[in-house]
Protein backbone atom coordinates (compact mmCIF):
# COMPACT_ATOMS: atom_id res chain seq x y z
CA MET A 1 -61.30 -57.06 53.70
CA ILE A 2 -58.15 -55.06 52.93
CA GLU A 3 -56.05 -58.21 53.39
CA GLY A 4 -58.27 -60.13 50.95
CA LEU A 5 -58.07 -57.31 48.42
CA LEU A 6 -54.27 -57.22 48.71
CA ILE A 7 -54.05 -60.99 48.18
CA SER A 8 -56.27 -60.71 45.09
CA VAL A 9 -54.12 -57.93 43.64
CA ILE A 10 -50.96 -60.00 44.24
CA LYS A 11 -52.60 -63.02 42.58
CA ILE A 12 -53.58 -60.96 39.53
CA ALA A 13 -50.08 -59.51 39.19
CA VAL A 14 -48.36 -62.90 39.55
CA VAL A 15 -50.72 -64.73 37.17
CA LEU A 16 -50.53 -62.04 34.47
CA TRP A 17 -46.73 -61.87 34.78
CA ALA A 18 -46.42 -65.65 34.55
CA MET A 19 -48.84 -65.89 31.63
CA LEU A 20 -47.26 -63.10 29.59
CA THR A 21 -43.77 -64.49 30.27
CA ILE A 22 -44.81 -67.96 29.09
CA VAL A 23 -46.52 -66.43 26.03
CA ALA A 24 -43.41 -64.43 25.12
CA TYR A 25 -41.11 -67.40 25.48
CA ALA A 26 -43.57 -69.70 23.69
CA VAL A 27 -42.84 -67.61 20.59
CA LEU A 28 -39.10 -68.17 21.06
CA TRP A 29 -39.68 -71.86 21.80
CA GLU A 30 -41.65 -72.21 18.58
CA ARG A 31 -38.84 -70.60 16.58
CA TRP A 32 -36.31 -72.94 18.16
CA LEU A 33 -38.43 -76.05 17.52
CA CYS A 34 -39.20 -74.93 13.98
CA ALA A 35 -35.47 -74.55 13.32
CA TRP A 36 -34.79 -77.96 14.84
CA ILE A 37 -37.49 -79.67 12.73
CA GLN A 38 -36.24 -77.93 9.56
CA ASP A 39 -32.58 -78.61 10.39
CA ARG A 40 -31.45 -74.98 10.56
CA LEU A 41 -30.34 -72.41 13.13
CA GLY A 42 -32.96 -70.57 15.14
CA PRO A 43 -32.61 -67.31 17.09
CA ASN A 44 -29.18 -67.45 18.76
CA ARG A 45 -27.78 -63.91 18.70
CA VAL A 46 -29.57 -61.88 21.39
CA GLY A 47 -28.31 -63.01 24.79
CA PRO A 48 -26.91 -66.46 25.68
CA ARG A 49 -28.26 -68.89 23.08
CA GLY A 50 -30.86 -66.29 22.07
CA VAL A 51 -32.82 -66.26 25.36
CA LEU A 52 -33.29 -62.47 25.21
CA GLN A 53 -34.89 -62.58 21.76
CA PRO A 54 -38.45 -61.94 23.11
CA LEU A 55 -37.21 -58.70 24.71
CA ALA A 56 -35.61 -57.61 21.44
CA ASP A 57 -38.79 -58.45 19.49
CA GLY A 58 -40.90 -56.48 21.96
CA LEU A 59 -38.69 -53.40 21.64
CA LYS A 60 -38.75 -53.77 17.86
CA PHE A 61 -42.56 -53.69 17.77
CA ILE A 62 -42.71 -50.73 20.17
CA PHE A 63 -40.37 -48.57 18.06
CA LYS A 64 -41.76 -49.57 14.65
CA GLU A 65 -43.74 -46.95 12.76
CA ASP A 66 -47.46 -47.29 13.44
CA VAL A 67 -49.00 -46.99 9.97
CA ILE A 68 -52.78 -46.52 9.80
CA PRO A 69 -54.00 -46.69 6.17
CA ARG A 70 -56.38 -43.94 5.04
CA HIS A 71 -59.05 -46.34 3.82
CA VAL A 72 -59.70 -48.09 7.18
CA ASN A 73 -62.56 -47.49 9.59
CA ARG A 74 -60.31 -45.94 12.21
CA LEU A 75 -62.30 -46.60 15.41
CA TYR A 76 -62.94 -50.32 14.85
CA TYR A 77 -59.52 -50.77 13.24
CA MET A 78 -57.85 -49.62 16.47
CA LEU A 79 -60.32 -51.46 18.73
CA ALA A 80 -59.93 -54.88 17.08
CA PRO A 81 -56.44 -55.83 18.42
CA MET A 82 -57.49 -55.05 22.00
CA ILE A 83 -60.62 -57.19 21.68
CA ALA A 84 -58.57 -60.05 20.21
CA MET A 85 -56.05 -59.96 23.08
CA SER A 86 -58.38 -59.38 26.04
CA PRO A 87 -60.40 -62.64 26.35
CA ALA A 88 -57.37 -64.82 27.17
CA LEU A 89 -56.18 -62.30 29.80
CA ILE A 90 -59.63 -62.26 31.44
CA THR A 91 -60.47 -65.96 31.39
CA VAL A 92 -57.16 -67.00 32.96
CA ALA A 93 -58.66 -65.64 36.21
CA VAL A 94 -60.73 -68.81 36.74
CA ILE A 95 -57.98 -71.34 35.92
CA PRO A 96 -56.66 -73.08 39.10
CA TRP A 97 -52.85 -73.02 38.85
CA GLY A 98 -52.49 -75.14 41.98
CA SER A 99 -54.44 -76.36 45.00
CA ALA A 100 -53.44 -73.93 47.76
CA LEU A 101 -50.39 -72.31 49.33
CA PRO A 102 -50.40 -72.67 53.14
CA ILE A 103 -48.84 -69.38 54.28
CA ALA A 104 -48.80 -68.37 57.96
CA GLY A 105 -51.38 -71.04 58.73
CA HIS A 106 -53.84 -69.75 56.11
CA PRO A 107 -54.38 -71.70 52.86
CA ILE A 108 -54.42 -69.31 49.90
CA LYS A 109 -56.20 -70.71 46.86
CA CYS A 110 -54.15 -70.67 43.66
CA VAL A 111 -56.94 -69.15 41.59
CA ILE A 112 -57.99 -65.54 41.20
CA ALA A 113 -61.77 -66.09 40.94
CA ASP A 114 -63.13 -69.45 42.14
CA LEU A 115 -66.43 -69.31 40.23
CA ASN A 116 -69.04 -72.05 40.48
CA VAL A 117 -69.68 -71.61 36.75
CA GLY A 118 -66.02 -71.29 35.78
CA VAL A 119 -66.26 -73.25 32.53
CA LEU A 120 -69.28 -71.27 31.34
CA PHE A 121 -67.36 -68.08 32.13
CA VAL A 122 -64.41 -69.28 30.03
CA PHE A 123 -66.61 -70.14 27.04
CA ALA A 124 -68.62 -66.92 27.33
CA ILE A 125 -65.59 -64.62 27.43
CA SER A 126 -63.36 -66.53 25.00
CA SER A 127 -66.14 -66.48 22.39
CA LEU A 128 -65.76 -62.68 22.26
CA GLY A 129 -62.32 -63.06 20.67
CA VAL A 130 -63.90 -63.69 17.28
CA TYR A 131 -65.27 -60.13 17.33
CA GLY A 132 -61.73 -58.75 17.33
CA ILE A 133 -60.84 -60.78 14.24
CA VAL A 134 -64.10 -59.98 12.43
CA LEU A 135 -63.74 -56.27 13.21
CA ALA A 136 -60.14 -56.32 11.99
CA GLY A 137 -61.21 -57.89 8.70
CA TRP A 138 -64.15 -55.56 8.15
CA ALA A 139 -62.55 -52.31 9.38
CA SER A 140 -59.47 -52.79 7.15
CA ASN A 141 -61.64 -52.19 4.05
CA SER A 142 -59.46 -54.60 2.08
CA LYS A 143 -60.39 -57.88 0.40
CA TYR A 144 -57.82 -60.18 1.99
CA PRO A 145 -58.52 -59.13 5.61
CA PHE A 146 -62.26 -59.28 4.89
CA LEU A 147 -62.01 -62.86 3.61
CA GLY A 148 -59.89 -63.80 6.63
CA GLY A 149 -62.46 -62.29 9.00
CA ILE A 150 -65.32 -64.19 7.34
CA ARG A 151 -63.39 -67.44 7.48
CA SER A 152 -62.49 -66.94 11.12
CA SER A 153 -66.04 -66.13 12.19
CA ALA A 154 -67.44 -69.25 10.50
CA GLN A 155 -64.60 -71.42 11.81
CA MET A 156 -64.68 -70.25 15.42
CA ILE A 157 -68.48 -70.37 15.70
CA SER A 158 -68.54 -73.90 14.24
CA TYR A 159 -65.89 -75.29 16.54
CA GLU A 160 -67.25 -73.54 19.64
CA VAL A 161 -70.25 -75.87 19.24
CA CYS A 162 -67.86 -78.83 19.27
CA LEU A 163 -66.00 -77.45 22.30
CA GLY A 164 -69.19 -76.98 24.29
CA LEU A 165 -70.53 -80.44 23.47
CA SER A 166 -67.18 -82.11 24.14
CA VAL A 167 -67.03 -80.92 27.76
CA ALA A 168 -70.64 -81.81 28.62
CA PRO A 169 -69.70 -85.39 29.68
CA VAL A 170 -67.17 -83.91 32.11
CA PHE A 171 -69.87 -81.96 33.94
CA MET A 172 -72.17 -84.97 33.87
CA GLN A 173 -69.55 -87.14 35.58
CA VAL A 174 -68.15 -84.62 38.06
CA GLY A 175 -71.44 -82.88 38.82
CA SER A 176 -69.94 -79.38 38.91
CA LEU A 177 -68.96 -76.51 36.62
CA ASN A 178 -66.32 -75.31 39.07
CA LEU A 179 -62.85 -75.88 37.60
CA GLY A 180 -61.26 -76.37 41.02
CA ARG A 181 -63.74 -79.13 41.92
CA ILE A 182 -63.16 -80.81 38.56
CA VAL A 183 -59.42 -80.99 39.36
CA GLU A 184 -60.08 -82.24 42.90
CA TYR A 185 -62.36 -84.97 41.48
CA GLN A 186 -59.56 -86.10 39.19
CA ALA A 187 -57.04 -85.97 42.04
CA SER A 188 -59.11 -88.51 43.99
CA HIS A 189 -60.68 -90.55 41.14
CA GLY A 190 -58.06 -90.42 38.37
CA TRP A 191 -57.59 -88.24 35.32
CA LEU A 192 -60.69 -88.04 33.14
CA VAL A 193 -58.75 -88.61 29.92
CA VAL A 194 -58.28 -92.29 30.84
CA TYR A 195 -62.00 -92.90 31.38
CA PRO A 196 -63.64 -94.78 28.46
CA ILE A 197 -66.47 -92.22 28.30
CA GLN A 198 -64.12 -89.20 28.36
CA TRP A 199 -61.23 -89.85 25.96
CA VAL A 200 -63.43 -89.02 22.94
CA SER A 201 -64.30 -85.70 24.60
CA ALA A 202 -60.61 -85.00 25.23
CA PHE A 203 -59.71 -85.73 21.59
CA VAL A 204 -62.49 -83.55 20.15
CA PHE A 205 -61.64 -80.76 22.60
CA MET A 206 -57.98 -80.82 21.59
CA VAL A 207 -58.66 -80.75 17.84
CA SER A 208 -61.31 -78.04 18.27
CA ALA A 209 -58.79 -75.99 20.26
CA PHE A 210 -56.51 -75.97 17.21
CA ALA A 211 -59.38 -74.57 15.14
CA GLU A 212 -60.36 -72.02 17.80
CA THR A 213 -56.81 -70.67 18.02
CA ASN A 214 -56.37 -70.55 14.21
CA ARG A 215 -53.35 -72.84 14.34
CA LEU A 216 -52.18 -75.21 11.64
CA PRO A 217 -53.64 -77.37 10.22
CA PHE A 218 -56.61 -75.00 10.68
CA ASP A 219 -55.02 -71.58 10.05
CA LEU A 220 -57.31 -70.73 7.11
CA PRO A 221 -58.13 -67.17 8.37
CA GLU A 222 -54.50 -66.09 7.85
CA ALA A 223 -53.30 -68.51 5.15
CA GLU A 224 -50.24 -66.76 3.69
CA GLN A 225 -50.45 -68.48 0.30
CA GLU A 226 -54.06 -67.34 -0.21
CA LEU A 227 -54.75 -64.27 1.95
CA VAL A 228 -51.28 -62.71 2.45
CA GLY A 229 -51.81 -62.50 6.22
CA GLY A 230 -55.59 -62.61 6.47
CA TYR A 231 -57.34 -60.37 8.98
CA HIS A 232 -54.13 -58.63 10.17
CA THR A 233 -52.69 -57.84 6.72
CA GLU A 234 -53.21 -54.08 7.17
CA TYR A 235 -51.76 -53.94 10.70
CA SER A 236 -48.28 -52.93 11.83
CA SER A 237 -46.31 -52.11 14.97
CA MET A 238 -47.90 -52.97 18.34
CA LYS A 239 -51.35 -53.52 16.82
CA PHE A 240 -49.96 -56.44 14.84
CA ALA A 241 -48.06 -57.60 17.93
CA MET A 242 -51.31 -57.75 19.91
CA PHE A 243 -52.84 -60.10 17.33
CA PHE A 244 -49.65 -62.15 17.37
CA LEU A 245 -49.52 -62.38 21.17
CA GLY A 246 -53.29 -62.94 21.32
CA GLU A 247 -52.86 -66.14 19.31
CA TYR A 248 -50.25 -67.48 21.72
CA ALA A 249 -52.28 -66.36 24.73
CA ALA A 250 -55.25 -68.29 23.32
CA MET A 251 -52.97 -71.32 22.87
CA PHE A 252 -51.92 -71.02 26.51
CA LEU A 253 -55.54 -70.76 27.67
CA ALA A 254 -56.60 -73.76 25.56
CA SER A 255 -53.70 -75.80 26.97
CA ALA A 256 -54.51 -74.76 30.55
CA LEU A 257 -58.18 -75.64 30.06
CA MET A 258 -57.29 -79.01 28.53
CA VAL A 259 -55.01 -79.76 31.50
CA THR A 260 -57.69 -78.69 33.97
CA LEU A 261 -60.57 -80.63 32.42
CA PHE A 262 -58.91 -83.85 31.32
CA LEU A 263 -55.31 -84.16 32.56
CA GLY A 264 -55.75 -83.76 36.30
CA GLY A 265 -54.81 -80.08 36.59
CA TRP A 266 -52.23 -79.67 39.35
CA SER A 267 -52.44 -83.31 40.49
CA LEU A 268 -50.31 -86.40 39.94
CA PRO A 269 -51.54 -89.95 40.72
CA LEU A 270 -49.24 -90.38 43.74
CA ALA A 271 -49.12 -88.97 47.25
CA PRO A 272 -48.81 -86.20 48.34
CA PHE A 273 -49.60 -84.69 44.92
CA ASN A 274 -53.08 -86.24 44.65
CA ALA A 275 -54.71 -84.07 47.33
CA PRO A 276 -54.91 -80.35 48.20
CA ALA A 277 -51.64 -79.13 49.69
CA LYS A 278 -51.16 -78.97 53.45
CA GLU A 279 -47.52 -77.91 53.22
CA LEU A 280 -46.00 -75.02 51.29
CA TRP A 281 -43.57 -77.13 49.25
CA VAL A 282 -46.42 -79.37 48.08
CA GLY A 283 -48.39 -76.30 46.99
CA MET A 284 -45.39 -75.02 45.03
CA ALA A 285 -44.96 -78.48 43.48
CA HIS A 286 -48.61 -78.43 42.36
CA ILE A 287 -47.99 -75.15 40.52
CA GLY A 288 -44.90 -76.65 38.87
CA ILE A 289 -46.87 -79.76 37.84
CA PHE A 290 -49.61 -77.64 36.27
CA ILE A 291 -47.15 -75.46 34.35
CA GLY A 292 -45.24 -78.54 33.17
CA LYS A 293 -48.42 -80.07 31.72
CA VAL A 294 -49.31 -76.78 30.01
CA LEU A 295 -45.85 -76.55 28.45
CA LEU A 296 -46.20 -80.13 27.18
CA LEU A 297 -49.44 -79.24 25.39
CA LEU A 298 -47.88 -76.05 24.01
CA PHE A 299 -45.18 -78.29 22.54
CA VAL A 300 -47.94 -80.33 20.85
CA PHE A 301 -49.41 -77.13 19.34
CA ILE A 302 -45.99 -76.18 17.96
CA TRP A 303 -45.05 -79.68 16.78
CA VAL A 304 -48.32 -80.10 14.86
CA ARG A 305 -47.86 -76.75 13.13
CA TRP A 306 -44.52 -77.74 11.61
CA THR A 307 -45.41 -81.32 10.69
CA LEU A 308 -48.95 -81.31 9.22
CA PRO A 309 -50.25 -79.62 6.02
CA ARG A 310 -53.14 -77.16 6.00
CA PHE A 311 -56.69 -78.44 5.49
CA ARG A 312 -58.86 -77.14 2.67
CA TYR A 313 -61.65 -74.89 3.93
CA ASP A 314 -64.42 -77.32 2.95
CA GLN A 315 -62.57 -80.09 4.79
CA LEU A 316 -62.27 -77.89 7.88
CA MET A 317 -65.98 -77.08 7.98
CA GLY A 318 -66.98 -80.63 7.06
CA LEU A 319 -64.91 -82.05 9.92
CA GLY A 320 -66.67 -79.77 12.39
CA TRP A 321 -70.30 -80.13 11.28
CA LYS A 322 -70.35 -83.60 9.70
CA VAL A 323 -68.00 -85.46 12.03
CA PHE A 324 -67.42 -83.73 15.37
CA VAL A 325 -70.95 -82.44 16.07
CA PRO A 326 -72.62 -85.86 15.51
CA LEU A 327 -69.75 -87.56 17.36
CA THR A 328 -70.02 -85.32 20.41
CA LEU A 329 -73.84 -85.60 20.49
CA ALA A 330 -73.53 -89.40 20.42
CA ASN A 331 -70.83 -89.21 23.10
CA VAL A 332 -73.10 -87.12 25.36
CA ALA A 333 -75.88 -89.69 24.96
CA LEU A 334 -73.55 -92.62 25.61
CA SER A 335 -71.98 -90.85 28.60
CA GLY A 336 -75.40 -90.19 30.13
CA THR A 337 -76.40 -93.83 29.64
CA ALA A 338 -73.12 -95.15 31.07
CA LEU A 339 -73.29 -92.88 34.12
CA ALA A 340 -76.92 -93.85 34.77
CA LEU A 341 -75.98 -97.56 34.63
CA MET A 342 -73.01 -96.99 36.94
CA GLU A 343 -75.26 -95.30 39.52
CA LYS A 344 -77.62 -98.30 39.49
């Protein structure tokens, strides 16, 4: 029991360290890619080629003056950044980073909590993130944050419907809600994104993830030209940093979930990377494969932000309710019919 508890603590520490490191350097990566796309210099002063810039930014936020305006609702104003940041840190516990690490003859699963309802857990916890944004908008007692909070609540609730419907065909085909089993199914049967009945689900899931994470072209809750900064306009110091990091942590979670559900997770379609690891080096390679896929999707998030214009709000909501909801409902029906015919 003590040994199992120690392994769980080590897993939690390693996963949180890896996630927060990737999140911090995703910010730097975005600044570099933005500079490259706009043909200008990015961060290049702090450390060799600017690689220590995340550390400098973190210290800057820590030592900045923490201004709390008099007109805010103090309790909810201070609570909102923590609620916005927490869901991504909690839900990463059910994401399988790899198959297993055979150490001293004992295979150690590369997941903190191997839940049979892992996907439902992710959706249940990640949906709480909207409360942090809504509370920030309301507790600021200011018009721009309030409008940003209203926009975000409508946007995230709308596209959570699309997210839930888009993954239903995955469960129908695999027959499990366990994320590890979904990856193992893809390791032996092929990635779900290439299946005719699943690529629509993958596309809708990806676009909905942009809306859920408030990223361009769906960043209406914090549109600078309209709302100054939206729901975090009145925030400063580490409270603002928690909103900022929460967005990138949500991007990381969305990318990891997309990789797990549709892109084979830790697997590659060639031996020995298409089966659970029996040797340590294969287990380490699985972790590297998973992280590589996640970084590729993070690049897509960043690339889209600096190449596409922002949608109008009516276009955003119309896309969700008038296009994606009917499309995903039809896809669920077609997937059920196709799977029933395949079984016969």
